[in-house]
Amino acid sequence: MFKPKREFITTSETILFVSSFFMWIYVTHTIVFIDSFDSLFFTNSWWLMLPITTFLLFLRSFVGRRVDLTFNWEDDEEEETKSNRKQG
């Protein structure tokens, strides 16, 4: 039968990846300047959580889709029906 072509990266994953990249650039150049470990805990540095969270959402979607697509339920069902036909 017709098997759909697997995309390397979907549109939503692309949007998450590109937006996290541009957010990272914007936040680091305009809002946050980290010169020591102590400055990570200032209120301004909390803006770094936005691009980090967006990138983690991208990774979860990208990796999770790979794991789900590599495990094919249809193949297991076909093998079971073939083995049932041979036995019966």
Protein backbone atom coordinates (compact mmCIF):
# COMPACT_ATOMS: atom_id res chain seq x y z
CA MET A 1 0.00 0.00 0.00
CA PHE A 2 0.90 3.66 -0.09
CA LYS A 3 3.34 4.66 2.63
CA PRO A 4 3.53 8.38 3.40
CA LYS A 5 6.89 10.02 2.90
CA ARG A 6 8.62 10.87 6.17
CA GLU A 7 9.57 14.49 6.48
CA PHE A 8 12.91 15.33 8.02
CA ILE A 9 11.48 18.31 9.91
CA THR A 10 7.91 19.56 10.03
CA THR A 11 6.70 23.13 9.72
CA SER A 12 5.94 23.48 13.42
CA GLU A 13 9.38 22.14 14.35
CA THR A 14 10.99 24.61 11.96
CA ILE A 15 9.07 27.48 13.52
CA LEU A 16 10.13 26.40 17.02
CA PHE A 17 13.77 26.02 16.01
CA VAL A 18 14.06 29.31 14.14
CA SER A 19 12.12 31.27 16.76
CA SER A 20 14.31 29.90 19.57
CA PHE A 21 17.40 30.89 17.58
CA PHE A 22 16.20 34.46 17.04
CA MET A 23 14.93 34.75 20.60
CA TRP A 24 18.32 33.64 21.85
CA ILE A 25 20.05 36.31 19.75
CA TYR A 26 17.63 39.03 20.82
CA VAL A 27 17.66 38.20 24.52
CA THR A 28 21.43 37.84 24.82
CA HIS A 29 22.21 41.05 22.95
CA THR A 30 19.57 43.38 24.35
CA ILE A 31 18.36 42.20 27.72
CA VAL A 32 20.87 39.92 29.39
CA PHE A 33 24.55 40.37 30.01
CA ILE A 34 26.04 37.58 32.08
CA ASP A 35 29.53 38.26 33.32
CA SER A 36 29.59 35.90 36.31
CA PHE A 37 27.75 32.93 37.73
CA ASP A 38 25.96 35.16 40.25
CA SER A 39 24.40 37.23 37.48
CA LEU A 40 22.49 34.15 36.28
CA PHE A 41 20.18 34.56 39.25
CA PHE A 42 19.21 38.18 38.60
CA THR A 43 15.70 38.92 37.39
CA ASN A 44 16.88 39.98 33.92
CA SER A 45 18.48 36.61 33.29
CA TRP A 46 15.10 34.88 33.62
CA TRP A 47 14.48 35.96 30.03
CA LEU A 48 16.89 33.21 29.02
CA MET A 49 14.25 30.66 30.00
CA LEU A 50 12.06 31.60 27.02
CA PRO A 51 14.47 30.53 24.23
CA ILE A 52 15.61 27.54 26.27
CA THR A 53 12.03 26.36 26.75
CA THR A 54 11.22 26.86 23.08
CA PHE A 55 14.29 24.89 22.05
CA LEU A 56 13.39 22.07 24.45
CA LEU A 57 9.90 21.93 22.89
CA PHE A 58 11.54 21.63 19.48
CA LEU A 59 13.81 18.82 20.66
CA ARG A 60 10.94 16.93 22.27
CA SER A 61 8.88 17.12 19.09
CA PHE A 62 11.78 16.28 16.77
CA VAL A 63 13.13 13.34 18.76
CA GLY A 64 9.70 12.08 19.81
CA ARG A 65 8.50 11.94 16.23
CA ARG A 66 11.57 9.91 15.27
CA VAL A 67 10.92 7.38 18.02
CA ASP A 68 7.22 7.05 17.12
CA LEU A 69 7.87 6.68 13.40
CA THR A 70 10.56 4.02 13.72
CA PHE A 71 8.19 1.67 15.55
CA ASN A 72 5.66 0.37 13.03
CA TRP A 73 2.56 -1.31 14.41
CA GLU A 74 1.49 -2.40 10.93
CA ASP A 75 4.56 -4.59 10.44
CA ASP A 76 3.88 -6.44 13.69
CA GLU A 77 0.25 -7.05 12.72
CA GLU A 78 1.26 -8.34 9.29
CA GLU A 79 3.74 -10.78 10.86
CA GLU A 80 1.06 -12.04 13.26
CA THR A 81 -1.44 -12.64 10.46
CA LYS A 82 1.20 -14.46 8.38
CA SER A 83 2.14 -16.70 11.30
CA ASN A 84 -1.57 -17.39 12.00
CA ARG A 85 -2.12 -18.37 8.35
CA LYS A 86 0.82 -20.79 8.43
CA GLN A 87 -0.43 -22.40 11.64
CA GLY A 88 -4.07 -22.65 10.53
